[in-house]
Amino acid sequence: MFVTPAFAQETPAEGQLHTETGVAHDEAHGGGVFPPFDFSTYPSQLLWLVITFSVFYMLMQKVIVPRVGGILENRHDRIAQDLDEAARLKSESDAAIETYERELTAAKA
């Protein structure tokens, strides 16, 4: 980056004191009430609060909650299906072990 007198701050000479900030000070600056607490803006603030809350509520009700509900339902179905499959495989393996032990006992006799 290059520095030119237009962009650089000039240092005051020895003995000079600059108290000027370059900010305009008028009567309206700093006076008055903090805008969110100004009673004259309450109706519009309440209107926008209701509008914003309604939009977010409708977005949640129509889009986000159904998607999350669908995801949870799919997850529940998948877990139930996996548990049924595990029970089926366990019963098959128990049957195979029982058959193996029966044939082993018959072979020893």
PDB file of N, CA and C in Angstrom:
ATOM      1  N   MET A   1       0.844  -1.175   0.000  1.00  0.00           N
ATOM      2  CA  MET A   1       0.000   0.000   0.000  1.00  0.00           C
ATOM      3  C   MET A   1       0.884   1.232   0.000  1.00  0.00           C
ATOM      4  N   PHE A   2       0.499   2.226  -0.728  1.00  0.00           N
ATOM      5  CA  PHE A   2       1.268   3.454  -0.804  1.00  0.00           C
ATOM      6  C   PHE A   2       0.680   4.483   0.146  1.00  0.00           C
ATOM      7  N   VAL A   3       1.513   5.377   0.631  1.00  0.00           N
ATOM      8  CA  VAL A   3       1.072   6.409   1.563  1.00  0.00           C
ATOM      9  C   VAL A   3       1.358   7.759   0.930  1.00  0.00           C
ATOM     10  N   THR A   4       0.310   8.543   0.798  1.00  0.00           N
ATOM     11  CA  THR A   4       0.460   9.890   0.264  1.00  0.00           C
ATOM     12  C   THR A   4      -0.077  10.861   1.299  1.00  0.00           C
ATOM     13  N   PRO A   5       0.217  12.119   1.164  1.00  0.00           N
ATOM     14  CA  PRO A   5      -0.300  13.080   2.132  1.00  0.00           C
ATOM     15  C   PRO A   5      -1.824  13.088   2.206  1.00  0.00           C
ATOM     16  N   ALA A   6      -2.496  12.673   1.132  1.00  0.00           N
ATOM     17  CA  ALA A   6      -3.953  12.657   1.161  1.00  0.00           C
ATOM     18  C   ALA A   6      -4.475  11.558   2.084  1.00  0.00           C
ATOM     19  N   PHE A   7      -3.704  10.478   2.209  1.00  0.00           N
ATOM     20  CA  PHE A   7      -4.132   9.354   3.025  1.00  0.00           C
ATOM     21  C   PHE A   7      -3.451   9.309   4.388  1.00  0.00           C
ATOM     22  N   ALA A   8      -2.358   9.982   4.530  1.00  0.00           N
ATOM     23  CA  ALA A   8      -1.605   9.913   5.784  1.00  0.00           C
ATOM     24  C   ALA A   8      -2.054  11.004   6.738  1.00  0.00           C
ATOM     25  N   GLN A   9      -1.883  10.732   8.004  1.00  0.00           N
ATOM     26  CA  GLN A   9      -2.202  11.725   9.023  1.00  0.00           C
ATOM     27  C   GLN A   9      -0.939  12.554   9.255  1.00  0.00           C
ATOM     28  N   GLU A  10      -1.139  13.846   9.248  1.00  0.00           N
ATOM     29  CA  GLU A  10       0.014  14.707   9.458  1.00  0.00           C
ATOM     30  C   GLU A  10       0.250  14.879  10.945  1.00  0.00           C
ATOM     31  N   THR A  11       1.487  14.823  11.346  1.00  0.00           N
ATOM     32  CA  THR A  11       1.855  14.989  12.744  1.00  0.00           C
ATOM     33  C   THR A  11       1.993  16.472  13.041  1.00  0.00           C
ATOM     34  N   PRO A  12       1.401  16.945  14.145  1.00  0.00           N
ATOM     35  CA  PRO A  12       1.529  18.368  14.470  1.00  0.00           C
ATOM     36  C   PRO A  12       2.970  18.709  14.849  1.00  0.00           C
ATOM     37  N   ALA A  13       3.345  19.901  14.509  1.00  0.00           N
ATOM     38  CA  ALA A  13       4.698  20.357  14.835  1.00  0.00           C
ATOM     39  C   ALA A  13       4.824  20.531  16.340  1.00  0.00           C
ATOM     40  N   GLU A  14       6.036  20.604  16.798  1.00  0.00           N
ATOM     41  CA  GLU A  14       6.327  20.775  18.228  1.00  0.00           C
ATOM     42  C   GLU A  14       5.633  22.026  18.748  1.00  0.00           C
ATOM     43  N   GLY A  15       4.904  21.886  19.825  1.00  0.00           N
ATOM     44  CA  GLY A  15       4.247  23.025  20.437  1.00  0.00           C
ATOM     45  C   GLY A  15       2.840  23.271  19.932  1.00  0.00           C
ATOM     46  N   GLN A  16       2.432  22.636  18.845  1.00  0.00           N
ATOM     47  CA  GLN A  16       1.077  22.814  18.335  1.00  0.00           C
ATOM     48  C   GLN A  16       0.170  21.721  18.899  1.00  0.00           C
ATOM     49  N   LEU A  17      -1.020  22.112  19.239  1.00  0.00           N
ATOM     50  CA  LEU A  17      -1.981  21.164  19.774  1.00  0.00           C
ATOM     51  C   LEU A  17      -3.255  21.260  18.948  1.00  0.00           C
ATOM     52  N   HIS A  18      -3.682  20.149  18.414  1.00  0.00           N
ATOM     53  CA  HIS A  18      -4.901  20.122  17.612  1.00  0.00           C
ATOM     54  C   HIS A  18      -5.996  19.456  18.431  1.00  0.00           C
ATOM     55  N   THR A  19      -7.059  20.175  18.688  1.00  0.00           N
ATOM     56  CA  THR A  19      -8.185  19.617  19.435  1.00  0.00           C
ATOM     57  C   THR A  19      -9.396  19.396  18.544  1.00  0.00           C
ATOM     58  N   GLU A  20      -9.289  19.738  17.306  1.00  0.00           N
ATOM     59  CA  GLU A  20     -10.399  19.592  16.379  1.00  0.00           C
ATOM     60  C   GLU A  20     -10.502  18.133  15.928  1.00  0.00           C
ATOM     61  N   THR A  21     -11.720  17.570  15.949  1.00  0.00           N
ATOM     62  CA  THR A  21     -11.918  16.173  15.569  1.00  0.00           C
ATOM     63  C   THR A  21     -12.488  16.007  14.178  1.00  0.00           C
ATOM     64  N   GLY A  22     -13.010  17.028  13.598  1.00  0.00           N
ATOM     65  CA  GLY A  22     -13.594  16.940  12.274  1.00  0.00           C
ATOM     66  C   GLY A  22     -15.036  16.474  12.289  1.00  0.00           C
ATOM     67  N   VAL A  23     -15.613  16.276  13.467  1.00  0.00           N
ATOM     68  CA  VAL A  23     -17.002  15.853  13.586  1.00  0.00           C
ATOM     69  C   VAL A  23     -17.852  17.076  13.866  1.00  0.00           C
ATOM     70  N   ALA A  24     -18.915  17.226  13.106  1.00  0.00           N
ATOM     71  CA  ALA A  24     -19.794  18.377  13.311  1.00  0.00           C
ATOM     72  C   ALA A  24     -20.593  18.185  14.592  1.00  0.00           C
ATOM     73  N   HIS A  25     -20.596  19.206  15.435  1.00  0.00           N
ATOM     74  CA  HIS A  25     -21.365  19.167  16.677  1.00  0.00           C
ATOM     75  C   HIS A  25     -22.517  20.150  16.545  1.00  0.00           C
ATOM     76  N   ASP A  26     -23.704  19.605  16.428  1.00  0.00           N
ATOM     77  CA  ASP A  26     -24.869  20.466  16.380  1.00  0.00           C
ATOM     78  C   ASP A  26     -25.785  20.087  17.538  1.00  0.00           C
ATOM     79  N   GLU A  27     -26.862  20.779  17.676  1.00  0.00           N
ATOM     80  CA  GLU A  27     -27.754  20.575  18.819  1.00  0.00           C
ATOM     81  C   GLU A  27     -28.458  19.213  18.760  1.00  0.00           C
ATOM     82  N   ALA A  28     -28.728  18.701  17.573  1.00  0.00           N
ATOM     83  CA  ALA A  28     -29.457  17.441  17.457  1.00  0.00           C
ATOM     84  C   ALA A  28     -28.557  16.235  17.698  1.00  0.00           C
ATOM     85  N   HIS A  29     -27.264  16.421  17.582  1.00  0.00           N
ATOM     86  CA  HIS A  29     -26.336  15.308  17.755  1.00  0.00           C
ATOM     87  C   HIS A  29     -26.286  14.894  19.221  1.00  0.00           C
ATOM     88  N   GLY A  30     -26.603  13.627  19.484  1.00  0.00           N
ATOM     89  CA  GLY A  30     -26.540  13.122  20.849  1.00  0.00           C
ATOM     90  C   GLY A  30     -27.768  13.433  21.669  1.00  0.00           C
ATOM     91  N   GLY A  31     -28.666  14.220  21.169  1.00  0.00           N
ATOM     92  CA  GLY A  31     -29.871  14.556  21.921  1.00  0.00           C
ATOM     93  C   GLY A  31     -31.002  13.628  21.539  1.00  0.00           C
ATOM     94  N   GLY A  32     -31.997  13.579  22.345  1.00  0.00           N
ATOM     95  CA  GLY A  32     -33.162  12.768  22.019  1.00  0.00           C
ATOM     96  C   GLY A  32     -33.133  11.433  22.736  1.00  0.00           C
ATOM     97  N   VAL A  33     -34.032  10.572  22.308  1.00  0.00           N
ATOM     98  CA  VAL A  33     -34.229   9.283  22.947  1.00  0.00           C
ATOM     99  C   VAL A  33     -33.658   8.189  22.056  1.00  0.00           C
ATOM    100  N   PHE A  34     -33.203   7.127  22.688  1.00  0.00           N
ATOM    101  CA  PHE A  34     -32.741   5.951  21.960  1.00  0.00           C
ATOM    102  C   PHE A  34     -33.906   5.447  21.104  1.00  0.00           C
ATOM    103  N   PRO A  35     -33.732   5.305  19.781  1.00  0.00           N
ATOM    104  CA  PRO A  35     -34.860   5.026  18.883  1.00  0.00           C
ATOM    105  C   PRO A  35     -35.758   3.849  19.283  1.00  0.00           C
ATOM    106  N   PRO A  36     -35.232   2.704  19.749  1.00  0.00           N
ATOM    107  CA  PRO A  36     -36.164   1.640  20.138  1.00  0.00           C
ATOM    108  C   PRO A  36     -37.031   1.985  21.341  1.00  0.00           C
ATOM    109  N   PHE A  37     -36.602   2.959  22.147  1.00  0.00           N
ATOM    110  CA  PHE A  37     -37.373   3.343  23.325  1.00  0.00           C
ATOM    111  C   PHE A  37     -38.214   4.596  23.098  1.00  0.00           C
ATOM    112  N   ASP A  38     -38.242   5.075  21.885  1.00  0.00           N
ATOM    113  CA  ASP A  38     -39.016   6.269  21.565  1.00  0.00           C
ATOM    114  C   ASP A  38     -40.489   5.877  21.424  1.00  0.00           C
ATOM    115  N   PHE A  39     -41.356   6.505  22.219  1.00  0.00           N
ATOM    116  CA  PHE A  39     -42.777   6.160  22.218  1.00  0.00           C
ATOM    117  C   PHE A  39     -43.444   6.429  20.875  1.00  0.00           C
ATOM    118  N   SER A  40     -42.926   7.333  20.108  1.00  0.00           N
ATOM    119  CA  SER A  40     -43.570   7.647  18.833  1.00  0.00           C
ATOM    120  C   SER A  40     -43.374   6.528  17.809  1.00  0.00           C
ATOM    121  N   THR A  41     -42.411   5.639  18.020  1.00  0.00           N
ATOM    122  CA  THR A  41     -42.177   4.547  17.070  1.00  0.00           C
ATOM    123  C   THR A  41     -42.738   3.210  17.548  1.00  0.00           C
ATOM    124  N   TYR A  42     -43.397   3.162  18.711  1.00  0.00           N
ATOM    125  CA  TYR A  42     -43.933   1.900  19.225  1.00  0.00           C
ATOM    126  C   TYR A  42     -44.926   1.227  18.279  1.00  0.00           C
ATOM    127  N   PRO A  43     -45.884   1.939  17.693  1.00  0.00           N
ATOM    128  CA  PRO A  43     -46.836   1.238  16.809  1.00  0.00           C
ATOM    129  C   PRO A  43     -46.153   0.550  15.630  1.00  0.00           C
ATOM    130  N   SER A  44     -45.211   1.227  14.998  1.00  0.00           N
ATOM    131  CA  SER A  44     -44.541   0.591  13.860  1.00  0.00           C
ATOM    132  C   SER A  44     -43.650  -0.554  14.328  1.00  0.00           C
ATOM    133  N   GLN A  45     -43.041  -0.416  15.497  1.00  0.00           N
ATOM    134  CA  GLN A  45     -42.223  -1.512  16.021  1.00  0.00           C
ATOM    135  C   GLN A  45     -43.080  -2.736  16.317  1.00  0.00           C
ATOM    136  N   LEU A  46     -44.246  -2.516  16.908  1.00  0.00           N
ATOM    137  CA  LEU A  46     -45.142  -3.633  17.198  1.00  0.00           C
ATOM    138  C   LEU A  46     -45.666  -4.270  15.917  1.00  0.00           C
ATOM    139  N   LEU A  47     -45.963  -3.452  14.914  1.00  0.00           N
ATOM    140  CA  LEU A  47     -46.412  -3.984  13.635  1.00  0.00           C
ATOM    141  C   LEU A  47     -45.344  -4.891  13.027  1.00  0.00           C
ATOM    142  N   TRP A  48     -44.106  -4.422  12.982  1.00  0.00           N
ATOM    143  CA  TRP A  48     -43.034  -5.220  12.404  1.00  0.00           C
ATOM    144  C   TRP A  48     -42.716  -6.446  13.259  1.00  0.00           C
ATOM    145  N   LEU A  49     -42.898  -6.339  14.561  1.00  0.00           N
ATOM    146  CA  LEU A  49     -42.728  -7.504  15.425  1.00  0.00           C
ATOM    147  C   LEU A  49     -43.751  -8.578  15.073  1.00  0.00           C
ATOM    148  N   VAL A  50     -45.007  -8.183  14.906  1.00  0.00           N
ATOM    149  CA  VAL A  50     -46.063  -9.136  14.562  1.00  0.00           C
ATOM    150  C   VAL A  50     -45.812  -9.736  13.183  1.00  0.00           C
ATOM    151  N   ILE A  51     -45.442  -8.910  12.223  1.00  0.00           N
ATOM    152  CA  ILE A  51     -45.171  -9.407  10.867  1.00  0.00           C
ATOM    153  C   ILE A  51     -44.012 -10.393  10.881  1.00  0.00           C
ATOM    154  N   THR A  52     -42.917 -10.032  11.534  1.00  0.00           N
ATOM    155  CA  THR A  52     -41.738 -10.896  11.573  1.00  0.00           C
ATOM    156  C   THR A  52     -42.039 -12.200  12.303  1.00  0.00           C
ATOM    157  N   PHE A  53     -42.694 -12.106  13.451  1.00  0.00           N
ATOM    158  CA  PHE A  53     -43.036 -13.312  14.197  1.00  0.00           C
ATOM    159  C   PHE A  53     -43.950 -14.216  13.380  1.00  0.00           C
ATOM    160  N   SER A  54     -44.921 -13.627  12.688  1.00  0.00           N
ATOM    161  CA  SER A  54     -45.843 -14.421  11.871  1.00  0.00           C
ATOM    162  C   SER A  54     -45.117 -15.128  10.737  1.00  0.00           C
ATOM    163  N   VAL A  55     -44.205 -14.426  10.087  1.00  0.00           N
ATOM    164  CA  VAL A  55     -43.451 -15.039   8.989  1.00  0.00           C
ATOM    165  C   VAL A  55     -42.608 -16.196   9.511  1.00  0.00           C
ATOM    166  N   PHE A  56     -41.899 -15.979  10.614  1.00  0.00           N
ATOM    167  CA  PHE A  56     -41.078 -17.053  11.165  1.00  0.00           C
ATOM    168  C   PHE A  56     -41.934 -18.221  11.660  1.00  0.00           C
ATOM    169  N   TYR A  57     -43.088 -17.932  12.245  1.00  0.00           N
ATOM    170  CA  TYR A  57     -43.977 -18.991  12.716  1.00  0.00           C
ATOM    171  C   TYR A  57     -44.492 -19.821  11.543  1.00  0.00           C
ATOM    172  N   MET A  58     -44.922 -19.157  10.487  1.00  0.00           N
ATOM    173  CA  MET A  58     -45.420 -19.876   9.315  1.00  0.00           C
ATOM    174  C   MET A  58     -44.306 -20.694   8.668  1.00  0.00           C
ATOM    175  N   LEU A  59     -43.106 -20.141   8.610  1.00  0.00           N
ATOM    176  CA  LEU A  59     -41.967 -20.869   8.062  1.00  0.00           C
ATOM    177  C   LEU A  59     -41.702 -22.130   8.879  1.00  0.00           C
ATOM    178  N   MET A  60     -41.729 -22.002  10.193  1.00  0.00           N
ATOM    179  CA  MET A  60     -41.514 -23.167  11.051  1.00  0.00           C
ATOM    180  C   MET A  60     -42.637 -24.184  10.862  1.00  0.00           C
ATOM    181  N   GLN A  61     -43.877 -23.711  10.837  1.00  0.00           N
ATOM    182  CA  GLN A  61     -45.032 -24.604  10.776  1.00  0.00           C
ATOM    183  C   GLN A  61     -45.131 -25.320   9.430  1.00  0.00           C
ATOM    184  N   LYS A  62     -44.887 -24.618   8.353  1.00  0.00           N
ATOM    185  CA  LYS A  62     -45.113 -25.179   7.021  1.00  0.00           C
ATOM    186  C   LYS A  62     -43.891 -25.870   6.424  1.00  0.00           C
ATOM    187  N   VAL A  63     -42.680 -25.489   6.836  1.00  0.00           N
ATOM    188  CA  VAL A  63     -41.493 -26.020   6.175  1.00  0.00           C
ATOM    189  C   VAL A  63     -40.616 -26.831   7.123  1.00  0.00           C
ATOM    190  N   ILE A  64     -40.159 -26.222   8.183  1.00  0.00           N
ATOM    191  CA  ILE A  64     -39.115 -26.833   9.002  1.00  0.00           C
ATOM    192  C   ILE A  64     -39.640 -28.001   9.830  1.00  0.00           C
ATOM    193  N   VAL A  65     -40.737 -27.818  10.548  1.00  0.00           N
ATOM    194  CA  VAL A  65     -41.263 -28.886  11.403  1.00  0.00           C
ATOM    195  C   VAL A  65     -41.683 -30.112  10.583  1.00  0.00           C
ATOM    196  N   PRO A  66     -42.360 -29.971   9.439  1.00  0.00           N
ATOM    197  CA  PRO A  66     -42.670 -31.177   8.654  1.00  0.00           C
ATOM    198  C   PRO A  66     -41.421 -31.913   8.159  1.00  0.00           C
ATOM    199  N   ARG A  67     -40.402 -31.179   7.782  1.00  0.00           N
ATOM    200  CA  ARG A  67     -39.172 -31.838   7.336  1.00  0.00           C
ATOM    201  C   ARG A  67     -38.532 -32.618   8.473  1.00  0.00           C
ATOM    202  N   VAL A  68     -38.437 -31.997   9.640  1.00  0.00           N
ATOM    203  CA  VAL A  68     -37.847 -32.681  10.791  1.00  0.00           C
ATOM    204  C   VAL A  68     -38.713 -33.874  11.181  1.00  0.00           C
ATOM    205  N   GLY A  69     -40.033 -33.712  11.146  1.00  0.00           N
ATOM    206  CA  GLY A  69     -40.933 -34.822  11.451  1.00  0.00           C
ATOM    207  C   GLY A  69     -40.754 -35.982  10.482  1.00  0.00           C
ATOM    208  N   GLY A  70     -40.602 -35.670   9.208  1.00  0.00           N
ATOM    209  CA  GLY A  70     -40.372 -36.712   8.208  1.00  0.00           C
ATOM    210  C   GLY A  70     -39.057 -37.433   8.431  1.00  0.00           C
ATOM    211  N   ILE A  71     -38.037 -36.681   8.774  1.00  0.00           N
ATOM    212  CA  ILE A  71     -36.733 -37.283   9.050  1.00  0.00           C
ATOM    213  C   ILE A  71     -36.827 -38.207  10.258  1.00  0.00           C
ATOM    214  N   LEU A  72     -37.502 -37.760  11.309  1.00  0.00           N
ATOM    215  CA  LEU A  72     -37.637 -38.590  12.508  1.00  0.00           C
ATOM    216  C   LEU A  72     -38.465 -39.845  12.223  1.00  0.00           C
ATOM    217  N   GLU A  73     -39.515 -39.713  11.424  1.00  0.00           N
ATOM    218  CA  GLU A  73     -40.339 -40.875  11.070  1.00  0.00           C
ATOM    219  C   GLU A  73     -39.527 -41.883  10.259  1.00  0.00           C
ATOM    220  N   ASN A  74     -38.764 -41.408   9.272  1.00  0.00           N
ATOM    221  CA  ASN A  74     -37.913 -42.301   8.478  1.00  0.00           C
ATOM    222  C   ASN A  74     -36.881 -42.996   9.357  1.00  0.00           C
ATOM    223  N   ARG A  75     -36.333 -42.251  10.282  1.00  0.00           N
ATOM    224  CA  ARG A  75     -35.324 -42.814  11.191  1.00  0.00           C
ATOM    225  C   ARG A  75     -35.957 -43.894  12.070  1.00  0.00           C
ATOM    226  N   HIS A  76     -37.145 -43.618  12.587  1.00  0.00           N
ATOM    227  CA  HIS A  76     -37.835 -44.602  13.426  1.00  0.00           C
ATOM    228  C   HIS A  76     -38.137 -45.871  12.631  1.00  0.00           C
ATOM    229  N   ASP A  77     -38.625 -45.717  11.404  1.00  0.00           N
ATOM    230  CA  ASP A  77     -38.930 -46.872  10.559  1.00  0.00           C
ATOM    231  C   ASP A  77     -37.669 -47.669  10.237  1.00  0.00           C
ATOM    232  N   ARG A  78     -36.581 -46.970   9.952  1.00  0.00           N
ATOM    233  CA  ARG A  78     -35.322 -47.644   9.623  1.00  0.00           C
ATOM    234  C   ARG A  78     -34.790 -48.422  10.825  1.00  0.00           C
ATOM    235  N   ILE A  79     -34.881 -47.845  12.021  1.00  0.00           N
ATOM    236  CA  ILE A  79     -34.417 -48.538  13.222  1.00  0.00           C
ATOM    237  C   ILE A  79     -35.273 -49.773  13.475  1.00  0.00           C
ATOM    238  N   ALA A  80     -36.595 -49.653  13.326  1.00  0.00           N
ATOM    239  CA  ALA A  80     -37.480 -50.804  13.517  1.00  0.00           C
ATOM    240  C   ALA A  80     -37.176 -51.898  12.499  1.00  0.00           C
ATOM    241  N   GLN A  81     -36.936 -51.508  11.259  1.00  0.00           N
ATOM    242  CA  GLN A  81     -36.602 -52.477  10.212  1.00  0.00           C
ATOM    243  C   GLN A  81     -35.276 -53.166  10.526  1.00  0.00           C
ATOM    244  N   ASP A  82     -34.287 -52.410  10.971  1.00  0.00           N
ATOM    245  CA  ASP A  82     -32.994 -52.999  11.315  1.00  0.00           C
ATOM    246  C   ASP A  82     -33.104 -53.945  12.508  1.00  0.00           C
ATOM    247  N   LEU A  83     -33.926 -53.595  13.501  1.00  0.00           N
ATOM    248  CA  LEU A  83     -34.114 -54.484  14.652  1.00  0.00           C
ATOM    249  C   LEU A  83     -34.819 -55.779  14.239  1.00  0.00           C
ATOM    250  N   ASP A  84     -35.804 -55.688  13.351  1.00  0.00           N
ATOM    251  CA  ASP A  84     -36.477 -56.891  12.851  1.00  0.00           C
ATOM    252  C   ASP A  84     -35.504 -57.778  12.078  1.00  0.00           C
ATOM    253  N   GLU A  85     -34.680 -57.165  11.263  1.00  0.00           N
ATOM    254  CA  GLU A  85     -33.677 -57.913  10.496  1.00  0.00           C
ATOM    255  C   GLU A  85     -32.676 -58.579  11.436  1.00  0.00           C
ATOM    256  N   ALA A  86     -32.254 -57.880  12.480  1.00  0.00           N
ATOM    257  CA  ALA A  86     -31.317 -58.456  13.446  1.00  0.00           C
ATOM    258  C   ALA A  86     -31.952 -59.635  14.180  1.00  0.00           C
ATOM    259  N   ALA A  87     -33.219 -59.520  14.549  1.00  0.00           N
ATOM    260  CA  ALA A  87     -33.906 -60.629  15.218  1.00  0.00           C
ATOM    261  C   ALA A  87     -34.026 -61.829  14.285  1.00  0.00           C
ATOM    262  N   ARG A  88     -34.330 -61.587  13.014  1.00  0.00           N
ATOM    263  CA  ARG A  88     -34.424 -62.678  12.041  1.00  0.00           C
ATOM    264  C   ARG A  88     -33.080 -63.374  11.868  1.00  0.00           C
ATOM    265  N   LEU A  89     -32.008 -62.589  11.733  1.00  0.00           N
ATOM    266  CA  LEU A  89     -30.679 -63.177  11.571  1.00  0.00           C
ATOM    267  C   LEU A  89     -30.248 -63.936  12.822  1.00  0.00           C
ATOM    268  N   LYS A  90     -30.619 -63.439  14.001  1.00  0.00           N
ATOM    269  CA  LYS A  90     -30.277 -64.135  15.239  1.00  0.00           C
ATOM    270  C   LYS A  90     -30.998 -65.471  15.314  1.00  0.00           C
ATOM    271  N   SER A  91     -32.268 -65.499  14.938  1.00  0.00           N
ATOM    272  CA  SER A  91     -33.003 -66.773  14.967  1.00  0.00           C
ATOM    273  C   SER A  91     -32.416 -67.758  13.956  1.00  0.00           C
ATOM    274  N   GLU A  92     -31.988 -67.269  12.792  1.00  0.00           N
ATOM    275  CA  GLU A  92     -31.339 -68.140  11.808  1.00  0.00           C
ATOM    276  C   GLU A  92     -30.025 -68.679  12.343  1.00  0.00           C
ATOM    277  N   SER A  93     -29.250 -67.816  12.983  1.00  0.00           N
ATOM    278  CA  SER A  93     -27.969 -68.284  13.524  1.00  0.00           C
ATOM    279  C   SER A  93     -28.184 -69.257  14.679  1.00  0.00           C
ATOM    280  N   ASP A  94     -29.199 -69.026  15.514  1.00  0.00           N
ATOM    281  CA  ASP A  94     -29.502 -69.971  16.592  1.00  0.00           C
ATOM    282  C   ASP A  94     -29.912 -71.326  16.019  1.00  0.00           C
ATOM    283  N   ALA A  95     -30.695 -71.311  14.951  1.00  0.00           N
ATOM    284  CA  ALA A  95     -31.103 -72.563  14.307  1.00  0.00           C
ATOM    285  C   ALA A  95     -29.896 -73.271  13.711  1.00  0.00           C
ATOM    286  N   ALA A  96     -28.990 -72.515  13.095  1.00  0.00           N
ATOM    287  CA  ALA A  96     -27.791 -73.114  12.513  1.00  0.00           C
ATOM    288  C   ALA A  96     -26.903 -73.703  13.607  1.00  0.00           C
ATOM    289  N   ILE A  97     -26.770 -73.022  14.733  1.00  0.00           N
ATOM    290  CA  ILE A  97     -25.960 -73.537  15.846  1.00  0.00           C
ATOM    291  C   ILE A  97     -26.596 -74.807  16.410  1.00  0.00           C
ATOM    292  N   GLU A  98     -27.914 -74.817  16.550  1.00  0.00           N
ATOM    293  CA  GLU A  98     -28.609 -76.001  17.064  1.00  0.00           C
ATOM    294  C   GLU A  98     -28.430 -77.187  16.122  1.00  0.00           C
ATOM    295  N   THR A  99     -28.536 -76.934  14.809  1.00  0.00           N
ATOM    296  CA  THR A  99     -28.331 -77.999  13.822  1.00  0.00           C
ATOM    297  C   THR A  99     -26.896 -78.510  13.890  1.00  0.00           C
ATOM    298  N   TYR A 100     -25.945 -77.617  14.001  1.00  0.00           N
ATOM    299  CA  TYR A 100     -24.533 -77.999  14.092  1.00  0.00           C
ATOM    300  C   TYR A 100     -24.288 -78.865  15.318  1.00  0.00           C
ATOM    301  N   GLU A 101     -24.805 -78.446  16.474  1.00  0.00           N
ATOM    302  CA  GLU A 101     -24.583 -79.210  17.700  1.00  0.00           C
ATOM    303  C   GLU A 101     -25.263 -80.580  17.631  1.00  0.00           C
ATOM    304  N   ARG A 102     -26.435 -80.664  17.030  1.00  0.00           N
ATOM    305  CA  ARG A 102     -27.143 -81.937  16.884  1.00  0.00           C
ATOM    306  C   ARG A 102     -26.359 -82.876  15.975  1.00  0.00           C
ATOM    307  N   GLU A 103     -25.831 -82.347  14.856  1.00  0.00           N
ATOM    308  CA  GLU A 103     -25.044 -83.183  13.944  1.00  0.00           C
ATOM    309  C   GLU A 103     -23.723 -83.580  14.571  1.00  0.00           C
ATOM    310  N   LEU A 104     -23.134 -82.692  15.380  1.00  0.00           N
ATOM    311  CA  LEU A 104     -21.881 -83.022  16.062  1.00  0.00           C
ATOM    312  C   LEU A 104     -22.109 -84.141  17.078  1.00  0.00           C
ATOM    313  N   THR A 105     -23.206 -84.072  17.805  1.00  0.00           N
ATOM    314  CA  THR A 105     -23.539 -85.118  18.781  1.00  0.00           C
ATOM    315  C   THR A 105     -23.801 -86.444  18.063  1.00  0.00           C
ATOM    316  N   ALA A 106     -24.476 -86.397  16.922  1.00  0.00           N
ATOM    317  CA  ALA A 106     -24.746 -87.613  16.147  1.00  0.00           C
ATOM    318  C   ALA A 106     -23.456 -88.193  15.586  1.00  0.00           C
ATOM    319  N   ALA A 107     -22.520 -87.342  15.197  1.00  0.00           N
ATOM    320  CA  ALA A 107     -21.255 -87.817  14.639  1.00  0.00           C
ATOM    321  C   ALA A 107     -20.391 -88.460  15.717  1.00  0.00           C
ATOM    322  N   LYS A 108     -20.464 -87.967  16.940  1.00  0.00           N
ATOM    323  CA  LYS A 108     -19.678 -88.527  18.042  1.00  0.00           C
ATOM    324  C   LYS A 108     -20.255 -89.871  18.497  1.00  0.00           C
ATOM    325  N   ALA A 109     -21.503 -90.084  18.310  1.00  0.00           N
ATOM    326  CA  ALA A 109     -22.129 -91.319  18.796  1.00  0.00           C
ATOM    327  C   ALA A 109     -21.970 -92.475  17.860  1.00  0.00           C
TER     328      ALA A 109
END
